[in-house]
């Protein structure tokens, strides 16, 4: 993330609101996005203790339809959409032929055999190109997939996260979208409901309970303001990053990318090999297997962990992929890719500005539902 200076950067439907609120705007994946509205620390704590509101309209919604939508996604994704009931959500990686992660995403099973995908902002354009190429060339005995891929640039996405998120969101929705409010009240984690133009999903990226709402872009500011009036605190990308790190959630471009296998990024659980399904990247995963361990790191001395710092273990050297000071825990934490054989409890050292500082391998997540786990 860098300070935003270019007039060519994309803007979400909530850009004007962010500016009026005095947000510090930065370039994130080609979008002008709020880093914070004053105190990143207070925003982080608001999510862990109460409720926080994020503009995630830079992420791209893709709607997949057609008679072969499921067959298409079973080739495209490493996780298996066939196990989804209508309304259920699934986290998956989309792999290249060499087994690296083109993107990580959430897919939702929709009525009438349709699917909704939410992909990362910085990868959206290449994601769509990759999908359309697969649809055109087909796979196996299928010469071409009968699918349509609709890019929903007409939608905005709001994320509400925290222990009070559902109650406050329900109150804000009830005034404008009573059917969506009623649906939210009955949703379980990782389920979603479509009510006309409004889509409500009980998913998130912070390790807290909450929901994400996609709705027409021209309606986004009214709902955002209603949520703020209900007591939800606006939060920027700075807090979102420390929250997702505490929750042990990967960030594309740091913890995963096209050169990294999901097996080397702690994401083996998202790769479904229970069937003979020939998804893209499967052969490479089977041939190469896992080459690194992906672990949590707790710094035992004063300092801050950052990406690309060297981690020395008894098995050899690794690297921090994401790191920061943890506001919830009060010390520095990070994710690291290290040689196989590293175990929870192992003492390691991290090169922080030329000094080898003591650290320990720990389980992830570091924090979940406001509780410290390390």
Protein backbone atom coordinates (compact mmCIF):
# COMPACT_ATOMS: atom_id res chain seq x y z
CA UNK A 1 0.00 0.00 0.00
CA UNK A 2 1.33 3.43 -0.96
CA UNK A 3 0.09 6.98 -0.58
CA UNK A 4 -2.34 7.66 -3.40
CA UNK A 5 -1.23 10.33 -5.89
CA UNK A 6 -2.55 9.21 -9.29
CA UNK A 7 -5.84 10.48 -10.67
CA UNK A 8 -6.02 7.28 -12.73
CA UNK A 9 -6.61 5.02 -9.73
CA UNK A 10 -10.04 3.41 -9.49
CA UNK A 11 -12.51 4.61 -6.87
CA UNK A 12 -15.22 2.71 -5.07
CA UNK A 13 -18.78 4.10 -4.79
CA UNK A 14 -17.88 5.13 -1.21
CA UNK A 15 -14.81 7.19 -2.15
CA UNK A 16 -16.48 10.56 -1.53
CA UNK A 17 -17.65 9.43 1.92
CA UNK A 18 -14.13 8.34 2.85
CA UNK A 19 -12.70 11.70 1.81
CA UNK A 20 -15.35 13.63 3.73
CA UNK A 21 -14.55 11.51 6.79
CA UNK A 22 -10.88 12.48 6.57
CA UNK A 23 -9.59 9.02 5.67
CA UNK A 24 -5.96 8.61 4.71
CA UNK A 25 -6.22 7.29 1.15
CA UNK A 26 -3.67 4.91 -0.39
CA UNK A 27 -3.08 2.98 -3.60
CA UNK A 28 -4.12 -0.62 -3.08
CA UNK A 29 -4.08 -2.82 -6.17
CA UNK A 30 -4.85 0.17 -8.39
CA UNK A 31 -7.67 1.44 -6.19
CA UNK A 32 -7.88 4.51 -3.95
CA UNK A 33 -8.75 2.99 -0.60
CA UNK A 34 -8.87 4.23 3.03
CA UNK A 35 -5.89 3.10 5.11
CA UNK A 36 -7.43 4.50 8.29
CA UNK A 37 -9.73 7.24 9.51
CA UNK A 38 -7.36 8.39 12.24
CA UNK A 39 -6.24 5.60 14.56
CA UNK A 40 -5.52 2.23 12.99
CA UNK A 41 -5.08 0.79 16.48
CA UNK A 42 -8.53 1.94 17.62
CA UNK A 43 -10.10 0.56 14.44
CA UNK A 44 -8.46 -2.82 15.06
CA UNK A 45 -9.75 -2.95 18.62
CA UNK A 46 -13.23 -1.86 17.51
CA UNK A 47 -13.51 -5.00 15.40
CA UNK A 48 -12.22 -7.30 18.13
CA UNK A 49 -14.42 -5.74 20.84
CA UNK A 50 -17.49 -4.28 19.11
CA UNK A 51 -18.03 -3.91 15.35
CA UNK A 52 -16.11 -2.47 12.41
CA UNK A 53 -17.15 -1.55 8.87
CA UNK A 54 -14.99 -2.03 5.77
CA UNK A 55 -15.43 -0.88 2.20
CA UNK A 56 -14.35 -3.90 0.14
CA UNK A 57 -15.95 -2.75 -3.11
CA UNK A 58 -12.56 -2.98 -4.81
CA UNK A 59 -12.96 -6.76 -4.75
CA UNK A 60 -14.67 -8.13 -7.82
CA UNK A 61 -17.90 -10.11 -7.91
CA UNK A 62 -18.17 -12.66 -10.74
CA UNK A 63 -21.42 -14.50 -11.49
CA UNK A 64 -21.05 -17.88 -13.21
CA UNK A 65 -24.11 -19.27 -15.01
CA UNK A 66 -24.84 -21.91 -17.63
CA UNK A 67 -25.64 -25.61 -17.90
CA UNK A 68 -22.02 -26.56 -17.15
CA UNK A 69 -21.27 -24.04 -14.40
CA UNK A 70 -20.53 -26.71 -11.81
CA UNK A 71 -18.42 -28.82 -14.19
CA UNK A 72 -16.46 -25.69 -15.14
CA UNK A 73 -15.72 -24.77 -11.52
CA UNK A 74 -14.73 -28.35 -10.68
CA UNK A 75 -11.92 -28.00 -13.23
CA UNK A 76 -11.07 -24.40 -12.37
CA UNK A 77 -10.82 -24.68 -8.57
CA UNK A 78 -8.75 -26.85 -6.22
CA UNK A 79 -11.64 -27.18 -3.78
CA UNK A 80 -14.76 -29.02 -4.92
CA UNK A 81 -17.95 -27.01 -5.43
CA UNK A 82 -19.94 -30.24 -5.84
CA UNK A 83 -20.13 -30.53 -2.06
CA UNK A 84 -21.95 -27.19 -1.74
CA UNK A 85 -25.64 -26.99 -0.97
CA UNK A 86 -27.55 -24.00 -2.35
CA UNK A 87 -26.57 -20.95 -0.32
CA UNK A 88 -23.37 -22.47 1.03
CA UNK A 89 -19.92 -20.87 0.60
CA UNK A 90 -16.49 -22.37 0.03
CA UNK A 91 -12.96 -20.99 0.19
CA UNK A 92 -10.67 -22.16 -2.61
CA UNK A 93 -7.53 -21.45 -4.57
CA UNK A 94 -7.48 -21.16 -8.34
CA UNK A 95 -4.25 -22.77 -9.51
CA UNK A 96 -2.06 -22.61 -12.58
CA UNK A 97 -0.85 -25.73 -14.35
CA UNK A 98 2.37 -25.66 -12.26
CA UNK A 99 0.36 -25.66 -9.02
CA UNK A 100 0.93 -22.02 -8.03
CA UNK A 101 -1.92 -19.85 -6.75
CA UNK A 102 -3.38 -17.58 -9.41
CA UNK A 103 -5.83 -16.28 -6.80
CA UNK A 104 -7.68 -17.29 -3.67
CA UNK A 105 -11.40 -16.64 -3.56
CA UNK A 106 -14.77 -17.49 -2.05
CA UNK A 107 -17.43 -19.22 -4.15
CA UNK A 108 -21.11 -19.22 -3.23
CA UNK A 109 -23.67 -21.71 -4.58
CA UNK A 110 -26.67 -19.76 -5.89
CA UNK A 111 -30.21 -20.75 -6.91
CA UNK A 112 -30.78 -22.50 -10.27
CA UNK A 113 -27.25 -23.89 -10.47
CA UNK A 114 -25.53 -20.50 -10.55
CA UNK A 115 -22.40 -19.57 -8.62
CA UNK A 116 -20.99 -16.29 -7.31
CA UNK A 117 -17.25 -15.78 -6.91
CA UNK A 118 -15.54 -12.93 -5.08
CA UNK A 119 -11.94 -12.46 -6.21
CA UNK A 120 -9.11 -10.14 -5.21
CA UNK A 121 -8.91 -6.64 -6.65
CA UNK A 122 -5.36 -6.81 -7.94
CA UNK A 123 -5.89 -10.13 -9.72
CA UNK A 124 -9.44 -9.65 -11.03
CA UNK A 125 -8.54 -8.81 -14.62
CA UNK A 126 -6.20 -11.77 -15.08
CA UNK A 127 -8.64 -14.03 -13.19
CA UNK A 128 -11.40 -13.27 -15.67
CA UNK A 129 -9.06 -13.79 -18.63
CA UNK A 130 -7.96 -17.15 -17.20
CA UNK A 131 -11.55 -18.25 -16.64
CA UNK A 132 -12.71 -17.21 -20.09
CA UNK A 133 -9.77 -19.01 -21.69
CA UNK A 134 -10.70 -22.22 -19.85
CA UNK A 135 -14.35 -21.86 -20.84
CA UNK A 136 -13.35 -21.47 -24.49
CA UNK A 137 -10.90 -24.38 -24.67
CA UNK A 138 -12.78 -26.82 -22.44
CA UNK A 139 -11.17 -29.74 -20.63
CA UNK A 140 -11.10 -33.50 -21.09
CA UNK A 141 -13.89 -34.57 -23.44
CA UNK A 142 -15.57 -31.19 -23.15
CA UNK A 143 -14.47 -29.01 -26.07
CA UNK A 144 -16.04 -25.88 -24.62
CA UNK A 145 -17.85 -25.14 -21.36
CA UNK A 146 -21.39 -23.82 -21.63
CA UNK A 147 -20.95 -21.01 -19.11
CA UNK A 148 -21.25 -17.25 -18.92
CA UNK A 149 -18.94 -15.18 -16.73
CA UNK A 150 -20.51 -11.88 -15.72
CA UNK A 151 -18.31 -9.24 -14.11
CA UNK A 152 -20.49 -7.36 -11.65
CA UNK A 153 -18.97 -3.89 -11.70
CA UNK A 154 -22.41 -2.56 -10.76
CA UNK A 155 -22.11 -3.86 -7.19
CA UNK A 156 -20.49 -2.54 -4.02
CA UNK A 157 -19.48 -4.73 -1.08
CA UNK A 158 -19.57 -3.78 2.60
CA UNK A 159 -18.07 -5.97 5.32
CA UNK A 160 -19.21 -5.72 8.94
CA UNK A 161 -17.07 -7.63 11.44
CA UNK A 162 -16.97 -8.03 15.22
CA UNK A 163 -18.93 -9.51 18.15
CA UNK A 164 -21.75 -6.96 17.68
CA UNK A 165 -21.64 -7.02 13.87
CA UNK A 166 -24.69 -9.18 13.23
CA UNK A 167 -26.96 -7.35 15.66
CA UNK A 168 -26.02 -3.91 14.36
CA UNK A 169 -26.20 -4.99 10.72
CA UNK A 170 -29.63 -6.51 11.30
CA UNK A 171 -30.84 -3.20 12.76
CA UNK A 172 -29.49 -1.21 9.80
CA UNK A 173 -30.87 -3.62 7.21
CA UNK A 174 -34.29 -3.86 8.83
CA UNK A 175 -35.10 -0.25 7.94
CA UNK A 176 -34.21 -0.56 4.23
CA UNK A 177 -34.03 -4.23 3.34
CA UNK A 178 -36.31 -6.13 5.76
CA UNK A 179 -36.09 -9.40 3.80
CA UNK A 180 -32.29 -9.27 3.89
CA UNK A 181 -32.40 -8.60 7.62
CA UNK A 182 -34.64 -11.60 8.15
CA UNK A 183 -32.37 -13.79 6.02
CA UNK A 184 -29.26 -12.65 7.91
CA UNK A 185 -30.86 -13.64 11.21
CA UNK A 186 -31.09 -17.25 10.01
CA UNK A 187 -27.70 -17.57 8.34
CA UNK A 188 -24.99 -19.85 9.67
CA UNK A 189 -21.26 -19.08 9.14
CA UNK A 190 -20.23 -19.57 5.51
CA UNK A 191 -23.79 -19.42 4.18
CA UNK A 192 -25.37 -16.70 2.08
CA UNK A 193 -28.76 -15.50 0.85
CA UNK A 194 -29.82 -13.59 -2.26
CA UNK A 195 -32.75 -11.18 -1.87
CA UNK A 196 -33.29 -9.47 -5.20
CA UNK A 197 -30.37 -7.09 -5.74
CA UNK A 198 -29.04 -7.59 -2.20
CA UNK A 199 -26.69 -10.43 -1.36
CA UNK A 200 -25.87 -11.18 2.29
CA UNK A 201 -23.11 -13.61 3.28
CA UNK A 202 -21.89 -14.63 6.71
CA UNK A 203 -18.24 -14.55 5.74
CA UNK A 204 -15.28 -12.29 6.51
CA UNK A 205 -11.53 -11.78 6.72
CA UNK A 206 -10.86 -10.84 10.34
CA UNK A 207 -11.35 -13.93 12.50
CA UNK A 208 -14.48 -12.39 13.98
CA UNK A 209 -18.15 -13.08 13.34
CA UNK A 210 -19.87 -10.86 10.86
CA UNK A 211 -21.17 -10.56 7.33
CA UNK A 212 -20.54 -9.16 3.89
CA UNK A 213 -23.23 -7.39 1.86
CA UNK A 214 -23.18 -6.88 -1.90
CA UNK A 215 -25.72 -4.42 -3.27
CA UNK A 216 -26.16 -1.95 -6.15
CA UNK A 217 -23.41 0.64 -6.08
CA UNK A 218 -25.85 3.56 -5.96
CA UNK A 219 -27.34 2.20 -2.71
CA UNK A 220 -24.03 1.62 -0.93
CA UNK A 221 -23.57 5.00 0.74
CA UNK A 222 -27.05 4.98 2.29
CA UNK A 223 -26.47 1.57 3.87
CA UNK A 224 -22.93 2.53 4.93
CA UNK A 225 -24.28 5.64 6.67
CA UNK A 226 -27.03 3.60 8.34
CA UNK A 227 -24.44 1.19 9.71
CA UNK A 228 -22.30 4.06 11.02
CA UNK A 229 -25.40 5.61 12.63
CA UNK A 230 -26.12 2.23 14.25
CA UNK A 231 -22.72 2.34 15.95
CA UNK A 232 -20.43 0.43 13.58
CA UNK A 233 -16.99 2.03 13.31
CA UNK A 234 -15.53 2.64 9.84
CA UNK A 235 -12.18 0.87 9.45
CA UNK A 236 -9.46 1.02 6.84
CA UNK A 237 -7.08 -1.41 5.20
CA UNK A 238 -4.48 -0.98 7.94
CA UNK A 239 -6.71 -2.56 10.58
CA UNK A 240 -7.94 -5.13 8.08
CA UNK A 241 -4.36 -6.30 7.56
CA UNK A 242 -3.48 -6.71 11.24
CA UNK A 243 -6.82 -8.41 11.87
CA UNK A 244 -6.37 -10.96 9.07
CA UNK A 245 -2.79 -11.61 10.22
CA UNK A 246 -3.94 -12.35 13.77
CA UNK A 247 -6.57 -14.66 12.23
CA UNK A 248 -3.90 -16.51 10.24
CA UNK A 249 -5.47 -15.64 6.88
CA UNK A 250 -3.31 -15.52 3.78
CA UNK A 251 -2.90 -12.42 1.63
CA UNK A 252 -2.37 -12.91 -2.09
CA UNK A 253 0.87 -11.30 -3.23
CA UNK A 254 2.53 -11.84 0.14
CA UNK A 255 1.77 -15.28 1.56
CA UNK A 256 0.61 -16.83 -1.73
CA UNK A 257 1.17 -16.11 -5.40
CA UNK A 258 1.63 -17.86 -8.72
CA UNK A 259 4.99 -19.27 -7.62
CA UNK A 260 3.67 -20.75 -4.36
CA UNK A 261 1.80 -24.02 -4.00
CA UNK A 262 -1.14 -24.06 -1.57
CA UNK A 263 0.61 -27.01 0.08
CA UNK A 264 3.47 -24.65 1.00
CA UNK A 265 1.13 -21.94 2.29
CA UNK A 266 -0.85 -23.81 4.93
CA UNK A 267 -3.75 -24.25 2.50
CA UNK A 268 -3.68 -28.01 1.93
CA UNK A 269 -7.10 -28.13 3.62
CA UNK A 270 -8.54 -26.21 0.64
CA UNK A 271 -7.28 -28.78 -1.89
CA UNK A 272 -9.87 -31.53 -2.31
CA UNK A 273 -8.37 -34.75 -3.67
CA UNK A 274 -11.01 -37.14 -2.38
CA UNK A 275 -12.34 -37.69 -5.90
CA UNK A 276 -10.62 -38.33 -9.25
CA UNK A 277 -11.52 -34.80 -10.32
CA UNK A 278 -8.93 -33.44 -12.77
CA UNK A 279 -8.69 -29.82 -11.61
CA UNK A 280 -6.03 -27.48 -12.97
CA UNK A 281 -2.78 -27.86 -11.01
CA UNK A 282 -3.59 -31.25 -9.51
CA UNK A 283 -0.93 -33.14 -11.41
CA UNK A 284 1.76 -30.67 -10.32
CA UNK A 285 0.67 -30.91 -6.67
CA UNK A 286 0.79 -34.70 -6.80
CA UNK A 287 4.21 -34.73 -8.46
CA UNK A 288 5.86 -32.04 -6.32
CA UNK A 289 4.16 -32.53 -2.96
CA UNK A 290 4.91 -30.19 -0.08
CA UNK A 291 8.38 -28.63 0.04
CA UNK A 292 8.02 -26.14 2.94
CA UNK A 293 6.17 -25.74 6.21
CA UNK A 294 4.00 -22.68 6.74
CA UNK A 295 4.02 -21.64 10.40
CA UNK A 296 3.16 -18.91 12.85
CA UNK A 297 6.02 -16.96 14.44
CA UNK A 298 5.94 -15.16 17.80
CA UNK A 299 8.74 -12.69 18.44
CA UNK A 300 10.16 -13.09 21.96
CA UNK A 301 12.01 -9.75 21.99
CA UNK A 302 11.14 -6.16 21.20
CA UNK A 303 10.83 -5.46 17.51
CA UNK A 304 8.42 -5.79 14.59
CA UNK A 305 8.22 -8.64 12.11
CA UNK A 306 7.96 -7.75 8.44
CA UNK A 307 7.72 -9.62 5.15
CA UNK A 308 11.00 -10.94 3.72
CA UNK A 309 12.90 -11.09 7.02
CA UNK A 310 15.07 -14.20 7.28
CA UNK A 311 14.03 -16.90 9.76
CA UNK A 312 16.77 -19.29 10.97
CA UNK A 313 15.60 -22.71 12.12
CA UNK A 314 17.37 -25.95 13.05
CA UNK A 315 16.40 -27.25 9.60
CA UNK A 316 17.68 -24.23 7.66
CA UNK A 317 16.55 -20.77 6.64
CA UNK A 318 13.07 -19.56 5.81
CA UNK A 319 11.32 -16.24 5.38
CA UNK A 320 8.59 -14.16 6.98
CA UNK A 321 5.80 -13.71 4.44
CA UNK A 322 3.58 -11.39 6.54
CA UNK A 323 4.38 -9.74 9.85
CA UNK A 324 3.29 -6.95 12.15
CA UNK A 325 2.84 -5.88 15.73
CA UNK A 326 -0.31 -7.57 17.04
CA UNK A 327 -2.59 -5.01 18.73
CA UNK A 328 -4.59 -7.76 20.43
CA UNK A 329 -1.60 -9.71 21.77
CA UNK A 330 0.81 -6.88 22.44
CA UNK A 331 3.81 -8.40 20.63
CA UNK A 332 5.03 -9.00 17.09
CA UNK A 333 3.74 -11.95 15.09
CA UNK A 334 4.21 -13.26 11.59
CA UNK A 335 3.61 -16.02 9.11
CA UNK A 336 6.67 -17.77 7.71
CA UNK A 337 7.59 -20.30 5.06
CA UNK A 338 10.34 -22.46 6.55
CA UNK A 339 12.00 -25.84 5.87
CA UNK A 340 10.00 -28.97 6.55
CA UNK A 341 10.53 -30.33 10.03
CA UNK A 342 9.91 -27.10 11.93
CA UNK A 343 7.48 -27.78 14.78
CA UNK A 344 5.29 -25.77 17.12
CA UNK A 345 7.36 -24.85 20.17
CA UNK A 346 10.68 -24.70 18.29
CA UNK A 347 12.93 -21.77 19.08
CA UNK A 348 14.09 -19.87 16.00
CA UNK A 349 15.64 -16.49 15.29
CA UNK A 350 14.57 -13.71 12.96
CA UNK A 351 16.88 -11.16 11.34
CA UNK A 352 15.36 -7.80 12.33
CA UNK A 353 17.47 -4.94 11.01
CA UNK A 354 20.64 -6.99 11.22
CA UNK A 355 19.99 -8.45 14.67
CA UNK A 356 19.10 -12.10 15.26
CA UNK A 357 16.11 -11.82 17.61
CA UNK A 358 14.68 -14.86 19.42
CA UNK A 359 11.29 -16.14 18.30
CA UNK A 360 9.13 -19.23 18.61
CA UNK A 361 7.07 -21.32 16.20
CA UNK A 362 3.40 -21.25 17.23
CA UNK A 363 0.07 -22.47 15.96
CA UNK A 364 -2.20 -20.31 13.86
CA UNK A 365 -4.56 -18.56 14.15
CA UNK A 366 -3.05 -16.28 16.75
CA UNK A 367 -6.45 -14.78 17.67
CA UNK A 368 -9.99 -15.97 16.99
CA UNK A 369 -13.26 -14.39 18.13
CA UNK A 370 -11.36 -11.89 20.27
CA UNK A 371 -9.43 -14.53 22.22
CA UNK A 372 -5.66 -14.96 22.23
CA UNK A 373 -4.65 -18.47 21.19
CA UNK A 374 -0.88 -18.15 21.67
